[in-house]
């Protein structure tokens, strides 16, 4: 019984870490994966490098982004940080 009482602060600390750090991070990762899987042609996007452009074509793992008059760049789908709302 004493060992359980002496371990309770460590267990409590783990529970607090889970709810304050681990769980919110998992939720954010799930939202990002969902956003990246729902990309479609014509979406205005921002990459993790800060490039603003429009999705020109989508492959299974890559996205072609039009970012100028005749400029198209190929990125991994995971490089898309967010979809801009129009």
C-alpha atoms as a PDB file:
ATOM      1  CA  UNK A   1       0.000   0.000   0.000  1.00  0.00           C
ATOM      2  CA  UNK A   2       2.868   2.379   0.765  1.00  0.00           C
ATOM      3  CA  UNK A   3       4.406   1.831  -2.665  1.00  0.00           C
ATOM      4  CA  UNK A   4       1.127   2.808  -4.330  1.00  0.00           C
ATOM      5  CA  UNK A   5       0.989   5.994  -2.281  1.00  0.00           C
ATOM      6  CA  UNK A   6       4.612   6.807  -3.049  1.00  0.00           C
ATOM      7  CA  UNK A   7       4.015   6.230  -6.783  1.00  0.00           C
ATOM      8  CA  UNK A   8       0.828   8.297  -6.908  1.00  0.00           C
ATOM      9  CA  UNK A   9       2.604  11.629  -7.672  1.00  0.00           C
ATOM     10  CA  UNK A  10       4.366  10.012 -10.639  1.00  0.00           C
ATOM     11  CA  UNK A  11       1.110   8.506 -11.899  1.00  0.00           C
ATOM     12  CA  UNK A  12      -0.671  11.833 -11.427  1.00  0.00           C
ATOM     13  CA  UNK A  13       2.108  13.613 -13.338  1.00  0.00           C
ATOM     14  CA  UNK A  14       1.766  11.154 -16.240  1.00  0.00           C
ATOM     15  CA  UNK A  15      -2.017  11.692 -16.368  1.00  0.00           C
ATOM     16  CA  UNK A  16      -1.550  15.473 -16.386  1.00  0.00           C
ATOM     17  CA  UNK A  17       1.075  15.238 -19.159  1.00  0.00           C
ATOM     18  CA  UNK A  18      -1.246  13.041 -21.192  1.00  0.00           C
ATOM     19  CA  UNK A  19      -4.170  15.463 -21.044  1.00  0.00           C
ATOM     20  CA  UNK A  20      -2.117  18.649 -21.435  1.00  0.00           C
ATOM     21  CA  UNK A  21       0.505  17.589 -24.001  1.00  0.00           C
ATOM     22  CA  UNK A  22      -0.010  14.234 -25.676  1.00  0.00           C
ATOM     23  CA  UNK A  23      -3.765  14.251 -26.335  1.00  0.00           C
ATOM     24  CA  UNK A  24      -3.945  17.752 -27.914  1.00  0.00           C
ATOM     25  CA  UNK A  25      -0.951  16.944 -30.136  1.00  0.00           C
ATOM     26  CA  UNK A  26      -2.663  13.770 -31.366  1.00  0.00           C
ATOM     27  CA  UNK A  27      -5.819  15.758 -32.153  1.00  0.00           C
ATOM     28  CA  UNK A  28      -3.813  18.330 -34.154  1.00  0.00           C
ATOM     29  CA  UNK A  29      -2.034  15.585 -36.104  1.00  0.00           C
ATOM     30  CA  UNK A  30      -5.365  13.946 -36.914  1.00  0.00           C
ATOM     31  CA  UNK A  31      -6.787  17.270 -38.173  1.00  0.00           C
ATOM     32  CA  UNK A  32      -3.721  17.905 -40.358  1.00  0.00           C
ATOM     33  CA  UNK A  33      -3.868  14.402 -41.866  1.00  0.00           C
ATOM     34  CA  UNK A  34      -7.574  14.864 -42.603  1.00  0.00           C
ATOM     35  CA  UNK A  35      -6.968  18.277 -44.206  1.00  0.00           C
ATOM     36  CA  UNK A  36      -4.159  16.866 -46.368  1.00  0.00           C
ATOM     37  CA  UNK A  37      -6.284  13.920 -47.480  1.00  0.00           C
ATOM     38  CA  UNK A  38      -9.196  16.198 -48.438  1.00  0.00           C
ATOM     39  CA  UNK A  39      -7.150  18.460 -50.735  1.00  0.00           C
ATOM     40  CA  UNK A  40      -8.717  19.064 -54.124  1.00  0.00           C
ATOM     41  CA  UNK A  41      -7.829  20.898 -57.304  1.00  0.00           C
ATOM     42  CA  UNK A  42      -8.307  24.648 -57.002  1.00  0.00           C
ATOM     43  CA  UNK A  43      -7.731  24.886 -53.227  1.00  0.00           C
ATOM     44  CA  UNK A  44      -5.621  27.850 -52.109  1.00  0.00           C
ATOM     45  CA  UNK A  45      -2.882  26.438 -49.865  1.00  0.00           C
ATOM     46  CA  UNK A  46       0.142  27.454 -47.832  1.00  0.00           C
ATOM     47  CA  UNK A  47       3.117  25.086 -47.523  1.00  0.00           C
ATOM     48  CA  UNK A  48       5.261  24.603 -44.444  1.00  0.00           C
ATOM     49  CA  UNK A  49       7.908  26.707 -46.206  1.00  0.00           C
ATOM     50  CA  UNK A  50       5.506  29.624 -46.613  1.00  0.00           C
ATOM     51  CA  UNK A  51       4.711  29.252 -50.332  1.00  0.00           C
ATOM     52  CA  UNK A  52       1.217  30.493 -51.200  1.00  0.00           C
ATOM     53  CA  UNK A  53      -0.404  28.951 -54.240  1.00  0.00           C
ATOM     54  CA  UNK A  54      -3.265  27.008 -55.723  1.00  0.00           C
ATOM     55  CA  UNK A  55      -3.474  23.252 -56.129  1.00  0.00           C
ATOM     56  CA  UNK A  56      -3.097  22.491 -59.832  1.00  0.00           C
ATOM     57  CA  UNK A  57      -2.934  18.684 -59.723  1.00  0.00           C
ATOM     58  CA  UNK A  58      -3.001  15.989 -57.051  1.00  0.00           C
ATOM     59  CA  UNK A  59      -1.309  12.622 -57.062  1.00  0.00           C
ATOM     60  CA  UNK A  60      -1.400   9.984 -54.343  1.00  0.00           C
ATOM     61  CA  UNK A  61       1.581  11.419 -52.416  1.00  0.00           C
ATOM     62  CA  UNK A  62       2.354  14.653 -54.279  1.00  0.00           C
ATOM     63  CA  UNK A  63       0.654  17.942 -55.045  1.00  0.00           C
ATOM     64  CA  UNK A  64       1.457  20.298 -57.925  1.00  0.00           C
ATOM     65  CA  UNK A  65       1.032  23.908 -56.833  1.00  0.00           C
ATOM     66  CA  UNK A  66       0.624  26.794 -59.265  1.00  0.00           C
ATOM     67  CA  UNK A  67       2.262  29.811 -57.662  1.00  0.00           C
ATOM     68  CA  UNK A  68       2.643  32.257 -60.527  1.00  0.00           C
ATOM     69  CA  UNK A  69       1.805  32.880 -64.174  1.00  0.00           C
ATOM     70  CA  UNK A  70       3.489  29.763 -65.608  1.00  0.00           C
ATOM     71  CA  UNK A  71       5.119  28.449 -62.465  1.00  0.00           C
ATOM     72  CA  UNK A  72       4.244  25.047 -61.057  1.00  0.00           C
ATOM     73  CA  UNK A  73       6.013  23.320 -58.193  1.00  0.00           C
ATOM     74  CA  UNK A  74       5.719  19.740 -57.037  1.00  0.00           C
ATOM     75  CA  UNK A  75       5.483  19.101 -53.269  1.00  0.00           C
ATOM     76  CA  UNK A  76       4.807  16.159 -51.009  1.00  0.00           C
ATOM     77  CA  UNK A  77       1.270  16.179 -49.701  1.00  0.00           C
ATOM     78  CA  UNK A  78       2.685  16.353 -46.171  1.00  0.00           C
ATOM     79  CA  UNK A  79       4.283  19.740 -46.966  1.00  0.00           C
ATOM     80  CA  UNK A  80       0.870  21.442 -47.038  1.00  0.00           C
ATOM     81  CA  UNK A  81       0.401  23.368 -43.796  1.00  0.00           C
ATOM     82  CA  UNK A  82      -3.068  24.783 -44.338  1.00  0.00           C
ATOM     83  CA  UNK A  83      -5.839  25.421 -46.809  1.00  0.00           C
ATOM     84  CA  UNK A  84      -6.754  29.110 -46.994  1.00  0.00           C
ATOM     85  CA  UNK A  85     -10.407  29.960 -46.666  1.00  0.00           C
ATOM     86  CA  UNK A  86     -11.716  32.073 -49.528  1.00  0.00           C
END
